[in-house]
């Protein structure tokens, strides 16, 4: 999953990732098959 961009303020940070159809960022980060 590719990081597309981000936005940051003094209080918050937002990360924007590509859309993963029928999946999630957590699945890509923690699935042993993706390593």
PDB file of N, CA and C in Angstrom:
ATOM      1  N   UNK A   1       0.861  -1.169   0.000  1.00  0.00           N
ATOM      2  CA  UNK A   1       0.000   0.000   0.000  1.00  0.00           C
ATOM      3  C   UNK A   1       0.905   1.229   0.000  1.00  0.00           C
ATOM      4  N   UNK A   2       0.679   2.097  -0.945  1.00  0.00           N
ATOM      5  CA  UNK A   2       1.554   3.257  -1.123  1.00  0.00           C
ATOM      6  C   UNK A   2       1.048   4.468  -0.350  1.00  0.00           C
ATOM      7  N   UNK A   3       1.956   5.164   0.315  1.00  0.00           N
ATOM      8  CA  UNK A   3       1.632   6.429   0.968  1.00  0.00           C
ATOM      9  C   UNK A   3       1.516   7.492  -0.118  1.00  0.00           C
ATOM     10  N   UNK A   4       0.354   8.136  -0.187  1.00  0.00           N
ATOM     11  CA  UNK A   4       0.109   9.144  -1.215  1.00  0.00           C
ATOM     12  C   UNK A   4       0.479  10.536  -0.715  1.00  0.00           C
ATOM     13  N   UNK A   5       0.194  10.804   0.557  1.00  0.00           N
ATOM     14  CA  UNK A   5       0.513  12.122   1.082  1.00  0.00           C
ATOM     15  C   UNK A   5       0.217  12.217   2.561  1.00  0.00           C
ATOM     16  N   UNK A   6       0.388  13.404   3.100  1.00  0.00           N
ATOM     17  CA  UNK A   6       0.129  13.628   4.517  1.00  0.00           C
ATOM     18  C   UNK A   6      -0.214  15.092   4.742  1.00  0.00           C
ATOM     19  N   UNK A   7      -0.797  15.357   5.903  1.00  0.00           N
ATOM     20  CA  UNK A   7      -1.057  16.722   6.347  1.00  0.00           C
ATOM     21  C   UNK A   7      -0.767  16.768   7.836  1.00  0.00           C
ATOM     22  N   UNK A   8      -0.130  17.825   8.277  1.00  0.00           N
ATOM     23  CA  UNK A   8       0.233  17.932   9.687  1.00  0.00           C
ATOM     24  C   UNK A   8      -0.114  19.315  10.218  1.00  0.00           C
ATOM     25  N   UNK A   9      -0.651  19.313  11.418  1.00  0.00           N
ATOM     26  CA  UNK A   9      -0.871  20.551  12.156  1.00  0.00           C
ATOM     27  C   UNK A   9      -0.116  20.422  13.474  1.00  0.00           C
ATOM     28  N   UNK A  10      -0.243  21.406  14.322  1.00  0.00           N
ATOM     29  CA  UNK A  10       0.425  21.326  15.623  1.00  0.00           C
ATOM     30  C   UNK A  10      -0.137  20.200  16.479  1.00  0.00           C
ATOM     31  N   UNK A  11      -1.396  19.823  16.241  1.00  0.00           N
ATOM     32  CA  UNK A  11      -2.066  18.838  17.091  1.00  0.00           C
ATOM     33  C   UNK A  11      -2.347  17.509  16.408  1.00  0.00           C
ATOM     34  N   UNK A  12      -2.362  17.465  15.085  1.00  0.00           N
ATOM     35  CA  UNK A  12      -2.785  16.250  14.386  1.00  0.00           C
ATOM     36  C   UNK A  12      -1.878  15.939  13.203  1.00  0.00           C
ATOM     37  N   UNK A  13      -1.842  14.652  12.855  1.00  0.00           N
ATOM     38  CA  UNK A  13      -1.122  14.185  11.677  1.00  0.00           C
ATOM     39  C   UNK A  13      -2.049  13.259  10.905  1.00  0.00           C
ATOM     40  N   UNK A  14      -2.204  13.479   9.613  1.00  0.00           N
ATOM     41  CA  UNK A  14      -3.041  12.650   8.759  1.00  0.00           C
ATOM     42  C   UNK A  14      -2.176  12.023   7.680  1.00  0.00           C
ATOM     43  N   UNK A  15      -2.305  10.720   7.506  1.00  0.00           N
ATOM     44  CA  UNK A  15      -1.603  10.007   6.446  1.00  0.00           C
ATOM     45  C   UNK A  15      -2.634   9.543   5.428  1.00  0.00           C
ATOM     46  N   UNK A  16      -2.322   9.689   4.141  1.00  0.00           N
ATOM     47  CA  UNK A  16      -3.234   9.295   3.069  1.00  0.00           C
ATOM     48  C   UNK A  16      -2.582   8.168   2.285  1.00  0.00           C
ATOM     49  N   UNK A  17      -3.236   7.014   2.279  1.00  0.00           N
ATOM     50  CA  UNK A  17      -2.729   5.838   1.580  1.00  0.00           C
ATOM     51  C   UNK A  17      -3.634   5.499   0.412  1.00  0.00           C
ATOM     52  N   UNK A  18      -3.100   4.771  -0.573  1.00  0.00           N
ATOM     53  CA  UNK A  18      -3.905   4.331  -1.697  1.00  0.00           C
ATOM     54  C   UNK A  18      -5.022   3.422  -1.210  1.00  0.00           C
ATOM     55  N   UNK A  19      -6.111   3.374  -1.967  1.00  0.00           N
ATOM     56  CA  UNK A  19      -7.252   2.530  -1.637  1.00  0.00           C
ATOM     57  C   UNK A  19      -6.886   1.072  -1.867  1.00  0.00           C
ATOM     58  N   UNK A  20      -7.172   0.221  -0.892  1.00  0.00           N
ATOM     59  CA  UNK A  20      -6.902  -1.216  -1.000  1.00  0.00           C
ATOM     60  C   UNK A  20      -8.240  -1.944  -1.072  1.00  0.00           C
ATOM     61  N   UNK A  21      -8.671  -2.304  -2.265  1.00  0.00           N
ATOM     62  CA  UNK A  21      -9.961  -2.956  -2.486  1.00  0.00           C
ATOM     63  C   UNK A  21     -10.038  -4.266  -1.706  1.00  0.00           C
ATOM     64  N   UNK A  22     -11.101  -4.417  -0.914  1.00  0.00           N
ATOM     65  CA  UNK A  22     -11.352  -5.628  -0.109  1.00  0.00           C
ATOM     66  C   UNK A  22     -10.196  -5.940   0.833  1.00  0.00           C
ATOM     67  N   UNK A  23      -9.562  -4.917   1.358  1.00  0.00           N
ATOM     68  CA  UNK A  23      -8.440  -5.122   2.264  1.00  0.00           C
ATOM     69  C   UNK A  23      -8.301  -3.894   3.154  1.00  0.00           C
ATOM     70  N   UNK A  24      -7.239  -3.865   3.927  1.00  0.00           N
ATOM     71  CA  UNK A  24      -6.981  -2.714   4.788  1.00  0.00           C
ATOM     72  C   UNK A  24      -5.481  -2.531   4.947  1.00  0.00           C
ATOM     73  N   UNK A  25      -5.104  -1.379   5.418  1.00  0.00           N
ATOM     74  CA  UNK A  25      -3.691  -1.121   5.677  1.00  0.00           C
ATOM     75  C   UNK A  25      -3.172  -2.086   6.736  1.00  0.00           C
ATOM     76  N   UNK A  26      -3.971  -2.363   7.754  1.00  0.00           N
ATOM     77  CA  UNK A  26      -3.556  -3.291   8.817  1.00  0.00           C
ATOM     78  C   UNK A  26      -3.244  -4.670   8.245  1.00  0.00           C
ATOM     79  N   UNK A  27      -4.054  -5.134   7.305  1.00  0.00           N
ATOM     80  CA  UNK A  27      -3.785  -6.436   6.679  1.00  0.00           C
ATOM     81  C   UNK A  27      -2.446  -6.424   5.956  1.00  0.00           C
ATOM     82  N   UNK A  28      -2.145  -5.366   5.258  1.00  0.00           N
ATOM     83  CA  UNK A  28      -0.883  -5.282   4.519  1.00  0.00           C
ATOM     84  C   UNK A  28       0.317  -5.174   5.455  1.00  0.00           C
ATOM     85  N   UNK A  29       0.142  -4.533   6.589  1.00  0.00           N
ATOM     86  CA  UNK A  29       1.251  -4.369   7.526  1.00  0.00           C
ATOM     87  C   UNK A  29       1.520  -5.622   8.345  1.00  0.00           C
ATOM     88  N   UNK A  30       0.471  -6.400   8.643  1.00  0.00           N
ATOM     89  CA  UNK A  30       0.612  -7.513   9.579  1.00  0.00           C
ATOM     90  C   UNK A  30       0.467  -8.888   8.955  1.00  0.00           C
ATOM     91  N   UNK A  31       0.187  -8.991   7.663  1.00  0.00           N
ATOM     92  CA  UNK A  31       0.043 -10.280   6.988  1.00  0.00           C
ATOM     93  C   UNK A  31       1.425 -10.818   6.628  1.00  0.00           C
ATOM     94  N   UNK A  32       1.794 -12.001   7.149  1.00  0.00           N
ATOM     95  CA  UNK A  32       3.125 -12.569   6.861  1.00  0.00           C
ATOM     96  C   UNK A  32       3.379 -12.793   5.366  1.00  0.00           C
ATOM     97  N   UNK A  33       2.344 -12.979   4.564  1.00  0.00           N
ATOM     98  CA  UNK A  33       2.517 -13.196   3.123  1.00  0.00           C
ATOM     99  C   UNK A  33       3.014 -11.942   2.418  1.00  0.00           C
ATOM    100  N   UNK A  34       2.831 -10.783   3.017  1.00  0.00           N
ATOM    101  CA  UNK A  34       3.250  -9.521   2.402  1.00  0.00           C
ATOM    102  C   UNK A  34       4.678  -9.135   2.754  1.00  0.00           C
ATOM    103  N   UNK A  35       5.388  -9.964   3.485  1.00  0.00           N
ATOM    104  CA  UNK A  35       6.763  -9.628   3.890  1.00  0.00           C
ATOM    105  C   UNK A  35       7.773 -10.253   2.984  1.00  0.00           C
TER     106      UNK A  35
END
